[in-house]
Amino acid sequence: MQADHVSLAAKDLLPFLKGVTPSDERARQALALLAGWDGVTDKDRPEPLIFTAFLNALHRIMLVEKIGLSMSEKGPTPRPR
């Protein structure tokens, strides 16, 4: 069983978030938490949830708003075997 709890995606993308200008106080607080986060996805930490929400918004922007492809049009979802 894999024992590490580090998000490699977070470690890759967090440096880019430092250049984001927060739109309000809540966004400023979220970015401040992410700025000090090491990518460890412990269950009691808010940072993994904030980062997941960021990724979901990024996917929506990239697929829906920029390409015009809705999530239901992206293709069938593979079923686990």
N, C-alpha and C. Protein backbone atom coordinates (compact mmCIF):
# COMPACT_ATOMS: atom_id res chain seq x y z
N MET A 1 0.84 -1.17 0.00
CA MET A 1 0.00 0.00 0.00
C MET A 1 0.89 1.24 0.00
N GLN A 2 0.46 2.19 -0.75
CA GLN A 2 1.21 3.44 -0.83
C GLN A 2 1.06 4.20 0.48
N ALA A 3 2.16 4.64 1.03
CA ALA A 3 2.13 5.28 2.35
C ALA A 3 2.29 6.80 2.30
N ASP A 4 2.64 7.34 1.14
CA ASP A 4 2.83 8.79 1.11
C ASP A 4 1.49 9.49 0.88
N HIS A 5 1.42 10.69 1.35
CA HIS A 5 0.20 11.50 1.25
C HIS A 5 0.54 12.88 0.71
N VAL A 6 1.34 12.91 -0.33
CA VAL A 6 1.77 14.18 -0.91
C VAL A 6 1.17 14.30 -2.30
N SER A 7 0.55 15.43 -2.57
CA SER A 7 -0.02 15.69 -3.89
C SER A 7 1.07 16.25 -4.80
N LEU A 8 1.45 15.45 -5.80
CA LEU A 8 2.46 15.92 -6.75
C LEU A 8 1.91 17.05 -7.61
N ALA A 9 0.62 16.99 -7.91
CA ALA A 9 -0.01 18.08 -8.67
C ALA A 9 0.08 19.39 -7.88
N ALA A 10 -0.16 19.31 -6.59
CA ALA A 10 -0.07 20.51 -5.75
C ALA A 10 1.36 21.05 -5.75
N LYS A 11 2.32 20.18 -5.60
CA LYS A 11 3.72 20.62 -5.57
C LYS A 11 4.10 21.29 -6.88
N ASP A 12 3.52 20.82 -8.00
CA ASP A 12 3.82 21.43 -9.30
C ASP A 12 3.11 22.77 -9.50
N LEU A 13 1.86 22.86 -9.03
CA LEU A 13 1.04 24.04 -9.32
C LEU A 13 1.10 25.14 -8.27
N LEU A 14 1.47 24.81 -7.05
CA LEU A 14 1.48 25.83 -5.98
C LEU A 14 2.35 27.04 -6.29
N PRO A 15 3.52 26.88 -6.92
CA PRO A 15 4.31 28.08 -7.24
C PRO A 15 3.57 29.07 -8.14
N PHE A 16 2.71 28.57 -9.02
CA PHE A 16 1.95 29.45 -9.92
C PHE A 16 0.86 30.21 -9.17
N LEU A 17 0.36 29.63 -8.09
CA LEU A 17 -0.70 30.28 -7.32
C LEU A 17 -0.18 31.50 -6.57
N LYS A 18 1.12 31.58 -6.38
CA LYS A 18 1.68 32.75 -5.69
C LYS A 18 1.49 34.03 -6.48
N GLY A 19 1.30 33.90 -7.80
CA GLY A 19 1.09 35.06 -8.65
C GLY A 19 -0.36 35.47 -8.80
N VAL A 20 -1.27 34.73 -8.16
CA VAL A 20 -2.70 35.01 -8.26
C VAL A 20 -3.07 36.14 -7.32
N THR A 21 -3.85 37.09 -7.82
CA THR A 21 -4.35 38.18 -6.99
C THR A 21 -5.72 37.79 -6.46
N PRO A 22 -5.87 37.72 -5.15
CA PRO A 22 -7.17 37.31 -4.59
C PRO A 22 -8.26 38.34 -4.88
N SER A 23 -9.47 37.85 -5.12
CA SER A 23 -10.58 38.73 -5.47
C SER A 23 -11.31 39.26 -4.24
N ASP A 24 -11.14 38.60 -3.10
CA ASP A 24 -11.79 39.05 -1.87
C ASP A 24 -11.04 38.48 -0.66
N GLU A 25 -11.54 38.77 0.52
CA GLU A 25 -10.86 38.35 1.75
C GLU A 25 -10.82 36.83 1.88
N ARG A 26 -11.88 36.18 1.50
CA ARG A 26 -11.93 34.71 1.59
C ARG A 26 -10.87 34.08 0.68
N ALA A 27 -10.74 34.61 -0.52
CA ALA A 27 -9.72 34.11 -1.46
C ALA A 27 -8.32 34.41 -0.92
N ARG A 28 -8.14 35.57 -0.29
CA ARG A 28 -6.84 35.92 0.29
C ARG A 28 -6.46 34.92 1.38
N GLN A 29 -7.42 34.55 2.22
CA GLN A 29 -7.16 33.58 3.28
C GLN A 29 -6.82 32.21 2.71
N ALA A 30 -7.55 31.80 1.67
CA ALA A 30 -7.30 30.50 1.05
C ALA A 30 -5.90 30.47 0.43
N LEU A 31 -5.53 31.54 -0.28
CA LEU A 31 -4.21 31.60 -0.89
C LEU A 31 -3.11 31.64 0.17
N ALA A 32 -3.37 32.29 1.28
CA ALA A 32 -2.38 32.33 2.37
C ALA A 32 -2.16 30.93 2.93
N LEU A 33 -3.22 30.16 3.07
CA LEU A 33 -3.07 28.78 3.53
C LEU A 33 -2.26 27.96 2.53
N LEU A 34 -2.58 28.11 1.25
CA LEU A 34 -1.88 27.34 0.22
C LEU A 34 -0.42 27.76 0.11
N ALA A 35 -0.12 29.02 0.37
CA ALA A 35 1.27 29.52 0.27
C ALA A 35 2.19 28.81 1.25
N GLY A 36 1.66 28.42 2.40
CA GLY A 36 2.48 27.75 3.40
C GLY A 36 2.33 26.24 3.41
N TRP A 37 1.61 25.70 2.44
CA TRP A 37 1.31 24.27 2.40
C TRP A 37 2.42 23.49 1.71
N ASP A 38 2.74 22.33 2.25
CA ASP A 38 3.80 21.48 1.70
C ASP A 38 3.28 20.39 0.78
N GLY A 39 1.99 20.37 0.49
CA GLY A 39 1.41 19.37 -0.40
C GLY A 39 0.96 18.10 0.28
N VAL A 40 1.16 18.02 1.60
CA VAL A 40 0.75 16.83 2.34
C VAL A 40 -0.76 16.86 2.51
N THR A 41 -1.42 15.76 2.16
CA THR A 41 -2.88 15.70 2.15
C THR A 41 -3.43 15.02 3.40
N ASP A 42 -3.08 15.52 4.55
CA ASP A 42 -3.63 15.00 5.80
C ASP A 42 -5.12 15.30 5.88
N LYS A 43 -5.87 14.37 6.45
CA LYS A 43 -7.33 14.50 6.47
C LYS A 43 -7.83 15.66 7.32
N ASP A 44 -7.04 16.16 8.24
CA ASP A 44 -7.49 17.23 9.13
C ASP A 44 -7.06 18.62 8.67
N ARG A 45 -6.52 18.72 7.46
CA ARG A 45 -6.03 20.01 6.97
C ARG A 45 -6.97 20.59 5.93
N PRO A 46 -7.17 21.90 5.91
CA PRO A 46 -8.05 22.51 4.92
C PRO A 46 -7.40 22.66 3.55
N GLU A 47 -6.08 22.70 3.49
CA GLU A 47 -5.39 22.96 2.23
C GLU A 47 -5.72 21.96 1.12
N PRO A 48 -5.78 20.66 1.39
CA PRO A 48 -6.13 19.74 0.30
C PRO A 48 -7.53 20.01 -0.27
N LEU A 49 -8.46 20.41 0.56
CA LEU A 49 -9.80 20.72 0.08
C LEU A 49 -9.80 21.99 -0.77
N ILE A 50 -9.06 22.98 -0.33
CA ILE A 50 -8.96 24.23 -1.09
C ILE A 50 -8.32 23.95 -2.44
N PHE A 51 -7.25 23.15 -2.44
CA PHE A 51 -6.57 22.84 -3.69
C PHE A 51 -7.47 22.05 -4.63
N THR A 52 -8.24 21.11 -4.11
CA THR A 52 -9.17 20.35 -4.94
C THR A 52 -10.22 21.26 -5.55
N ALA A 53 -10.73 22.20 -4.78
CA ALA A 53 -11.70 23.16 -5.32
C ALA A 53 -11.06 23.99 -6.42
N PHE A 54 -9.80 24.39 -6.23
CA PHE A 54 -9.07 25.12 -7.27
C PHE A 54 -8.96 24.29 -8.54
N LEU A 55 -8.58 23.01 -8.41
CA LEU A 55 -8.45 22.15 -9.59
C LEU A 55 -9.78 21.98 -10.31
N ASN A 56 -10.86 21.82 -9.55
CA ASN A 56 -12.19 21.70 -10.17
C ASN A 56 -12.54 22.96 -10.95
N ALA A 57 -12.26 24.11 -10.38
CA ALA A 57 -12.54 25.37 -11.07
C ALA A 57 -11.66 25.52 -12.30
N LEU A 58 -10.41 25.12 -12.20
CA LEU A 58 -9.49 25.18 -13.34
C LEU A 58 -9.97 24.29 -14.48
N HIS A 59 -10.39 23.09 -14.16
CA HIS A 59 -10.92 22.17 -15.17
C HIS A 59 -12.16 22.76 -15.83
N ARG A 60 -13.04 23.34 -15.03
CA ARG A 60 -14.26 23.94 -15.58
C ARG A 60 -13.91 25.08 -16.54
N ILE A 61 -12.98 25.92 -16.13
CA ILE A 61 -12.57 27.03 -16.97
C ILE A 61 -11.94 26.53 -18.26
N MET A 62 -11.08 25.54 -18.16
CA MET A 62 -10.39 25.04 -19.34
C MET A 62 -11.34 24.30 -20.29
N LEU A 63 -12.24 23.49 -19.76
CA LEU A 63 -13.11 22.68 -20.61
C LEU A 63 -14.37 23.41 -21.06
N VAL A 64 -15.01 24.08 -20.14
CA VAL A 64 -16.31 24.67 -20.46
C VAL A 64 -16.16 26.07 -21.01
N GLU A 65 -15.50 26.94 -20.29
CA GLU A 65 -15.46 28.35 -20.67
C GLU A 65 -14.53 28.62 -21.85
N LYS A 66 -13.40 27.95 -21.92
CA LYS A 66 -12.44 28.22 -22.99
C LYS A 66 -12.72 27.40 -24.25
N ILE A 67 -13.10 26.13 -24.08
CA ILE A 67 -13.28 25.24 -25.22
C ILE A 67 -14.74 25.11 -25.60
N GLY A 68 -15.63 25.35 -24.63
CA GLY A 68 -17.05 25.21 -24.90
C GLY A 68 -17.53 23.77 -24.79
N LEU A 69 -16.76 22.92 -24.16
CA LEU A 69 -17.09 21.51 -24.02
C LEU A 69 -17.61 21.26 -22.61
N SER A 70 -18.87 20.86 -22.51
CA SER A 70 -19.42 20.60 -21.18
C SER A 70 -18.85 19.28 -20.66
N MET A 71 -18.89 19.11 -19.37
CA MET A 71 -18.34 17.90 -18.76
C MET A 71 -19.05 16.65 -19.27
N SER A 72 -20.34 16.73 -19.58
CA SER A 72 -21.07 15.57 -20.08
C SER A 72 -20.69 15.24 -21.51
N GLU A 73 -20.12 16.19 -22.24
CA GLU A 73 -19.73 15.97 -23.63
C GLU A 73 -18.29 15.50 -23.78
N LYS A 74 -17.55 15.41 -22.69
CA LYS A 74 -16.14 15.08 -22.80
C LYS A 74 -15.89 13.62 -23.11
N GLY A 75 -16.91 12.80 -23.01
CA GLY A 75 -16.76 11.38 -23.33
C GLY A 75 -17.23 10.51 -22.19
N PRO A 76 -17.31 9.22 -22.45
CA PRO A 76 -17.78 8.30 -21.41
C PRO A 76 -16.77 8.19 -20.28
N THR A 77 -17.30 8.01 -19.11
CA THR A 77 -16.47 7.80 -17.94
C THR A 77 -16.15 6.32 -17.83
N PRO A 78 -14.87 5.95 -17.80
CA PRO A 78 -14.53 4.53 -17.69
C PRO A 78 -15.05 3.95 -16.38
N ARG A 79 -15.53 2.75 -16.44
CA ARG A 79 -16.01 2.07 -15.23
C ARG A 79 -14.88 1.26 -14.62
N PRO A 80 -14.75 1.33 -13.28
CA PRO A 80 -13.70 0.53 -12.63
C PRO A 80 -13.97 -0.96 -12.82
N ARG A 81 -12.92 -1.72 -12.93
CA ARG A 81 -13.05 -3.18 -13.09
C ARG A 81 -12.73 -3.89 -11.83
